[in-house]
Amino acid sequence: MVRWLLLMNLVTILAGCAQTPPASTVSSNTSTNVCMQQVQDLQRIPPAPTSPTDGFRRNQLCIAERVCRQRAEFTDPRWLDQVMQDFITAYTRKTLHWEQLLANCQQRSPLNPLRKLLCQREMARYHIFTDLRAALDQAGCGTDADWQRLEGHITACIADAGYAPLLSDYIQHRVVNYRNQVRWACQHHQ
């Protein structure tokens, strides 16, 4: 039963993705399984559209799905696997200060019209400056080409998230800026 559910989750992810390899290819490739496991872990976090944290979860899932589907295009797919594993696991397992951060978001007044956006901003900053930094410390800084490829997937997911156009541009700029700060620190302190 569990295997069937996992297979159905994988089929759901791959449905409609013309560039995705057939399921038999995904199953036999151990490295692809590392990346796809992170997608499955994110899928286990139940959607909660009224929660101020749901937009962040949706964006993370979008990025992970896109990146894992395009894994073969990366110069160093093993680097990607390690970064994805360390980065996503920190969020899915709520390491370090995640529980407090999520609790703070839930405590924000539901009457605040910026509640969701403020939570998403705080979660993104923490995830990048804490979790991404730790992942790069473990896996290395990655190639310029892979870093740019990741950025393309991230900005595409932000663009597809349904934010107003100017807000989407602002969020993309902030996330790219935060990521680049972390990578610069990795490159200059390794």
C-alpha atoms as a PDB file:
ATOM      1  CA  MET A   1       0.000   0.000   0.000  1.00  0.00           C
ATOM      2  CA  VAL A   2       2.792   2.438   0.925  1.00  0.00           C
ATOM      3  CA  ARG A   3       4.674   1.617  -2.274  1.00  0.00           C
ATOM      4  CA  TRP A   4       1.531   2.211  -4.278  1.00  0.00           C
ATOM      5  CA  LEU A   5       1.000   5.616  -2.628  1.00  0.00           C
ATOM      6  CA  LEU A   6       4.614   6.612  -3.272  1.00  0.00           C
ATOM      7  CA  LEU A   7       4.291   5.511  -6.885  1.00  0.00           C
ATOM      8  CA  MET A   8       1.069   7.507  -7.260  1.00  0.00           C
ATOM      9  CA  ASN A   9       2.792  10.595  -5.790  1.00  0.00           C
ATOM     10  CA  LEU A  10       5.613  10.201  -8.284  1.00  0.00           C
ATOM     11  CA  VAL A  11       3.170   9.738 -11.158  1.00  0.00           C
ATOM     12  CA  THR A  12       1.321  12.886 -10.058  1.00  0.00           C
ATOM     13  CA  ILE A  13       4.555  14.867 -10.077  1.00  0.00           C
ATOM     14  CA  LEU A  14       5.534  13.597 -13.476  1.00  0.00           C
ATOM     15  CA  ALA A  15       2.095  13.953 -15.073  1.00  0.00           C
ATOM     16  CA  GLY A  16       2.046  16.618 -17.726  1.00  0.00           C
ATOM     17  CA  CYS A  17       5.828  17.020 -17.724  1.00  0.00           C
ATOM     18  CA  ALA A  18       6.866  16.233 -21.272  1.00  0.00           C
ATOM     19  CA  GLN A  19      10.546  16.651 -20.476  1.00  0.00           C
ATOM     20  CA  THR A  20      10.470  14.270 -17.527  1.00  0.00           C
ATOM     21  CA  PRO A  21      12.059  10.865 -18.092  1.00  0.00           C
ATOM     22  CA  PRO A  22       9.770   7.834 -17.885  1.00  0.00           C
ATOM     23  CA  ALA A  23       9.103   6.499 -14.379  1.00  0.00           C
ATOM     24  CA  SER A  24      11.322   3.465 -15.008  1.00  0.00           C
ATOM     25  CA  THR A  25      14.282   5.783 -15.663  1.00  0.00           C
ATOM     26  CA  VAL A  26      13.573   7.772 -12.524  1.00  0.00           C
ATOM     27  CA  SER A  27      13.283   4.632 -10.416  1.00  0.00           C
ATOM     28  CA  SER A  28      16.576   3.158 -11.570  1.00  0.00           C
ATOM     29  CA  ASN A  29      18.618   6.320 -11.105  1.00  0.00           C
ATOM     30  CA  THR A  30      19.703   6.542  -7.474  1.00  0.00           C
ATOM     31  CA  SER A  31      20.747  10.193  -7.698  1.00  0.00           C
ATOM     32  CA  THR A  32      17.432  11.221  -9.202  1.00  0.00           C
ATOM     33  CA  ASN A  33      15.770   9.443  -6.303  1.00  0.00           C
ATOM     34  CA  VAL A  34      17.701  11.670  -3.876  1.00  0.00           C
ATOM     35  CA  CYS A  35      16.253  14.754  -5.529  1.00  0.00           C
ATOM     36  CA  MET A  36      12.764  13.284  -5.923  1.00  0.00           C
ATOM     37  CA  GLN A  37      12.762  12.209  -2.274  1.00  0.00           C
ATOM     38  CA  GLN A  38      12.953  15.880  -1.338  1.00  0.00           C
ATOM     39  CA  VAL A  39       9.917  16.572  -3.534  1.00  0.00           C
ATOM     40  CA  GLN A  40       8.033  13.747  -1.832  1.00  0.00           C
ATOM     41  CA  ASP A  41       8.995  15.075   1.602  1.00  0.00           C
ATOM     42  CA  LEU A  42       7.629  18.493   0.662  1.00  0.00           C
ATOM     43  CA  GLN A  43       4.433  16.891  -0.643  1.00  0.00           C
ATOM     44  CA  ARG A  44       3.880  15.315   2.766  1.00  0.00           C
ATOM     45  CA  ILE A  45       3.436  18.768   4.291  1.00  0.00           C
ATOM     46  CA  PRO A  46      -0.319  19.177   3.990  1.00  0.00           C
ATOM     47  CA  PRO A  47      -1.573  22.173   2.045  1.00  0.00           C
ATOM     48  CA  ALA A  48      -3.146  24.786   4.286  1.00  0.00           C
ATOM     49  CA  PRO A  49      -4.386  27.630   2.067  1.00  0.00           C
ATOM     50  CA  THR A  50      -5.535  29.725   5.023  1.00  0.00           C
ATOM     51  CA  SER A  51      -2.208  29.402   6.837  1.00  0.00           C
ATOM     52  CA  PRO A  52       0.243  32.293   6.475  1.00  0.00           C
ATOM     53  CA  THR A  53       2.964  29.696   5.795  1.00  0.00           C
ATOM     54  CA  ASP A  54       1.305  27.928   2.847  1.00  0.00           C
ATOM     55  CA  GLY A  55       2.654  30.239   0.146  1.00  0.00           C
ATOM     56  CA  PHE A  56       6.201  29.436   1.222  1.00  0.00           C
ATOM     57  CA  ARG A  57       5.458  25.685   1.137  1.00  0.00           C
ATOM     58  CA  ARG A  58       3.957  25.991  -2.356  1.00  0.00           C
ATOM     59  CA  ASN A  59       6.970  27.930  -3.640  1.00  0.00           C
ATOM     60  CA  GLN A  60       9.392  25.388  -2.182  1.00  0.00           C
ATOM     61  CA  LEU A  61       7.482  22.538  -3.784  1.00  0.00           C
ATOM     62  CA  CYS A  62       7.409  24.311  -7.154  1.00  0.00           C
ATOM     63  CA  ILE A  63      11.156  24.908  -7.057  1.00  0.00           C
ATOM     64  CA  ALA A  64      11.983  21.347  -5.984  1.00  0.00           C
ATOM     65  CA  GLU A  65       9.751  19.824  -8.675  1.00  0.00           C
ATOM     66  CA  ARG A  66      11.208  22.002 -11.428  1.00  0.00           C
ATOM     67  CA  VAL A  67      14.800  21.460 -10.332  1.00  0.00           C
ATOM     68  CA  CYS A  68      14.457  17.692  -9.981  1.00  0.00           C
ATOM     69  CA  ARG A  69      12.786  17.361 -13.391  1.00  0.00           C
ATOM     70  CA  GLN A  70      15.709  19.248 -14.950  1.00  0.00           C
ATOM     71  CA  ARG A  71      18.437  17.646 -12.838  1.00  0.00           C
ATOM     72  CA  ALA A  72      20.251  16.172 -15.865  1.00  0.00           C
ATOM     73  CA  GLU A  73      20.871  19.684 -17.213  1.00  0.00           C
ATOM     74  CA  PHE A  74      23.040  20.605 -14.228  1.00  0.00           C
ATOM     75  CA  THR A  75      26.811  20.564 -14.624  1.00  0.00           C
ATOM     76  CA  ASP A  76      27.198  18.771 -11.303  1.00  0.00           C
ATOM     77  CA  PRO A  77      23.995  16.851 -10.501  1.00  0.00           C
ATOM     78  CA  ARG A  78      25.580  15.290  -7.407  1.00  0.00           C
ATOM     79  CA  TRP A  79      26.170  18.773  -5.982  1.00  0.00           C
ATOM     80  CA  LEU A  80      22.518  19.562  -6.678  1.00  0.00           C
ATOM     81  CA  ASP A  81      21.422  16.364  -4.901  1.00  0.00           C
ATOM     82  CA  GLN A  82      23.390  17.219  -1.789  1.00  0.00           C
ATOM     83  CA  VAL A  83      22.255  20.840  -1.704  1.00  0.00           C
ATOM     84  CA  MET A  84      18.623  19.853  -2.265  1.00  0.00           C
ATOM     85  CA  GLN A  85      18.797  17.193   0.420  1.00  0.00           C
ATOM     86  CA  ASP A  86      20.397  19.434   3.047  1.00  0.00           C
ATOM     87  CA  PHE A  87      18.339  22.498   2.136  1.00  0.00           C
ATOM     88  CA  ILE A  88      14.902  20.869   1.930  1.00  0.00           C
ATOM     89  CA  THR A  89      15.447  18.535   4.898  1.00  0.00           C
ATOM     90  CA  ALA A  90      16.117  21.511   7.164  1.00  0.00           C
ATOM     91  CA  TYR A  91      12.626  22.807   6.355  1.00  0.00           C
ATOM     92  CA  THR A  92      10.724  19.502   6.269  1.00  0.00           C
ATOM     93  CA  ARG A  93      12.225  18.304   9.549  1.00  0.00           C
ATOM     94  CA  LYS A  94      11.962  21.752  11.159  1.00  0.00           C
ATOM     95  CA  THR A  95      15.572  21.913  12.325  1.00  0.00           C
ATOM     96  CA  LEU A  96      17.051  24.718  14.416  1.00  0.00           C
ATOM     97  CA  HIS A  97      14.600  27.637  14.685  1.00  0.00           C
ATOM     98  CA  TRP A  98      11.917  26.522  12.217  1.00  0.00           C
ATOM     99  CA  GLU A  99       9.325  25.651  14.875  1.00  0.00           C
ATOM    100  CA  GLN A 100       9.633  29.107  16.446  1.00  0.00           C
ATOM    101  CA  LEU A 101       9.497  30.827  13.074  1.00  0.00           C
ATOM    102  CA  LEU A 102       6.324  28.938  12.132  1.00  0.00           C
ATOM    103  CA  ALA A 103       4.767  29.670  15.527  1.00  0.00           C
ATOM    104  CA  ASN A 104       5.529  33.382  15.088  1.00  0.00           C
ATOM    105  CA  CYS A 105       3.767  33.328  11.731  1.00  0.00           C
ATOM    106  CA  GLN A 106       0.691  31.660  13.192  1.00  0.00           C
ATOM    107  CA  GLN A 107       0.559  34.275  15.961  1.00  0.00           C
ATOM    108  CA  ARG A 108       0.360  37.181  13.521  1.00  0.00           C
ATOM    109  CA  SER A 109      -3.041  38.784  13.461  1.00  0.00           C
ATOM    110  CA  PRO A 110      -5.311  37.340  10.778  1.00  0.00           C
ATOM    111  CA  LEU A 111      -6.606  40.893  10.351  1.00  0.00           C
ATOM    112  CA  ASN A 112      -3.208  42.052   9.064  1.00  0.00           C
ATOM    113  CA  PRO A 113      -3.528  42.144   5.258  1.00  0.00           C
ATOM    114  CA  LEU A 114       0.222  41.558   4.927  1.00  0.00           C
ATOM    115  CA  ARG A 115       0.272  38.525   7.254  1.00  0.00           C
ATOM    116  CA  LYS A 116       1.007  35.951   4.548  1.00  0.00           C
ATOM    117  CA  LEU A 117       3.568  38.085   2.721  1.00  0.00           C
ATOM    118  CA  LEU A 118       5.434  38.951   5.920  1.00  0.00           C
ATOM    119  CA  CYS A 119       5.569  35.296   6.925  1.00  0.00           C
ATOM    120  CA  GLN A 120       6.774  34.241   3.491  1.00  0.00           C
ATOM    121  CA  ARG A 121       9.473  36.917   3.622  1.00  0.00           C
ATOM    122  CA  GLU A 122      10.680  35.828   7.060  1.00  0.00           C
ATOM    123  CA  MET A 123      10.634  32.167   6.095  1.00  0.00           C
ATOM    124  CA  ALA A 124      12.522  32.807   2.847  1.00  0.00           C
ATOM    125  CA  ARG A 125      15.179  34.917   4.575  1.00  0.00           C
ATOM    126  CA  TYR A 126      15.695  32.312   7.264  1.00  0.00           C
ATOM    127  CA  HIS A 127      15.730  29.445   4.768  1.00  0.00           C
ATOM    128  CA  ILE A 128      18.316  31.154   2.587  1.00  0.00           C
ATOM    129  CA  PHE A 129      20.580  32.639   5.253  1.00  0.00           C
ATOM    130  CA  THR A 130      20.476  29.603   7.543  1.00  0.00           C
ATOM    131  CA  ASP A 131      19.567  26.466   5.585  1.00  0.00           C
ATOM    132  CA  LEU A 132      21.115  27.340   2.226  1.00  0.00           C
ATOM    133  CA  ARG A 133      24.251  28.597   3.921  1.00  0.00           C
ATOM    134  CA  ALA A 134      24.587  25.290   5.803  1.00  0.00           C
ATOM    135  CA  ALA A 135      23.891  23.290   2.624  1.00  0.00           C
ATOM    136  CA  LEU A 136      26.603  25.162   0.716  1.00  0.00           C
ATOM    137  CA  ASP A 137      29.002  24.689   3.623  1.00  0.00           C
ATOM    138  CA  GLN A 138      28.494  20.935   3.196  1.00  0.00           C
ATOM    139  CA  ALA A 139      28.249  20.596  -0.597  1.00  0.00           C
ATOM    140  CA  GLY A 140      30.389  23.468  -1.801  1.00  0.00           C
ATOM    141  CA  CYS A 141      29.431  26.608  -3.690  1.00  0.00           C
ATOM    142  CA  GLY A 142      28.525  24.988  -7.014  1.00  0.00           C
ATOM    143  CA  THR A 143      29.407  26.140 -10.503  1.00  0.00           C
ATOM    144  CA  ASP A 144      28.310  29.499 -11.868  1.00  0.00           C
ATOM    145  CA  ALA A 145      26.207  27.721 -14.504  1.00  0.00           C
ATOM    146  CA  ASP A 146      24.398  25.580 -11.925  1.00  0.00           C
ATOM    147  CA  TRP A 147      23.817  28.580  -9.660  1.00  0.00           C
ATOM    148  CA  GLN A 148      22.238  30.477 -12.565  1.00  0.00           C
ATOM    149  CA  ARG A 149      20.182  27.456 -13.590  1.00  0.00           C
ATOM    150  CA  LEU A 150      18.777  27.229 -10.042  1.00  0.00           C
ATOM    151  CA  GLU A 151      18.011  30.942 -10.114  1.00  0.00           C
ATOM    152  CA  GLY A 152      16.021  30.493 -13.298  1.00  0.00           C
ATOM    153  CA  HIS A 153      13.810  27.860 -11.658  1.00  0.00           C
ATOM    154  CA  ILE A 154      13.380  29.946  -8.509  1.00  0.00           C
ATOM    155  CA  THR A 155      12.387  33.110 -10.352  1.00  0.00           C
ATOM    156  CA  ALA A 156      10.010  31.134 -12.593  1.00  0.00           C
ATOM    157  CA  CYS A 157       8.233  29.722  -9.543  1.00  0.00           C
ATOM    158  CA  ILE A 158       7.954  33.174  -7.996  1.00  0.00           C
ATOM    159  CA  ALA A 159       6.572  34.509 -11.289  1.00  0.00           C
ATOM    160  CA  ASP A 160       4.011  31.677 -11.361  1.00  0.00           C
ATOM    161  CA  ALA A 161       2.948  32.169  -7.721  1.00  0.00           C
ATOM    162  CA  GLY A 162       0.253  34.709  -8.549  1.00  0.00           C
ATOM    163  CA  TYR A 163       1.769  37.799  -6.946  1.00  0.00           C
ATOM    164  CA  ALA A 164       0.994  41.205  -8.445  1.00  0.00           C
ATOM    165  CA  PRO A 165       3.601  41.973 -11.164  1.00  0.00           C
ATOM    166  CA  LEU A 166       5.558  44.626  -9.243  1.00  0.00           C
ATOM    167  CA  LEU A 167       5.484  42.536  -6.081  1.00  0.00           C
ATOM    168  CA  SER A 168       6.672  39.492  -8.036  1.00  0.00           C
ATOM    169  CA  ASP A 169       9.597  41.499  -9.430  1.00  0.00           C
ATOM    170  CA  TYR A 170      10.471  42.755  -5.957  1.00  0.00           C
ATOM    171  CA  ILE A 171      10.351  39.255  -4.439  1.00  0.00           C
ATOM    172  CA  GLN A 172      12.492  37.841  -7.247  1.00  0.00           C
ATOM    173  CA  HIS A 173      15.047  40.604  -6.743  1.00  0.00           C
ATOM    174  CA  ARG A 174      15.189  40.054  -2.948  1.00  0.00           C
ATOM    175  CA  VAL A 175      15.507  36.270  -3.219  1.00  0.00           C
ATOM    176  CA  VAL A 176      18.243  36.517  -5.855  1.00  0.00           C
ATOM    177  CA  ASN A 177      20.056  39.107  -3.729  1.00  0.00           C
ATOM    178  CA  TYR A 178      19.834  36.922  -0.591  1.00  0.00           C
ATOM    179  CA  ARG A 179      21.023  33.828  -2.484  1.00  0.00           C
ATOM    180  CA  ASN A 180      23.942  35.691  -4.011  1.00  0.00           C
ATOM    181  CA  GLN A 181      25.009  37.012  -0.602  1.00  0.00           C
ATOM    182  CA  VAL A 182      25.100  33.461   0.730  1.00  0.00           C
ATOM    183  CA  ARG A 183      27.031  32.167  -2.275  1.00  0.00           C
ATOM    184  CA  TRP A 184      29.503  35.039  -2.061  1.00  0.00           C
ATOM    185  CA  ALA A 185      30.108  34.154   1.596  1.00  0.00           C
ATOM    186  CA  CYS A 186      30.594  30.516   0.591  1.00  0.00           C
ATOM    187  CA  GLN A 187      33.108  31.427  -2.113  1.00  0.00           C
ATOM    188  CA  HIS A 188      35.089  33.732   0.154  1.00  0.00           C
ATOM    189  CA  HIS A 189      35.145  31.651   3.307  1.00  0.00           C
ATOM    190  CA  GLN A 190      35.723  28.142   2.098  1.00  0.00           C
END
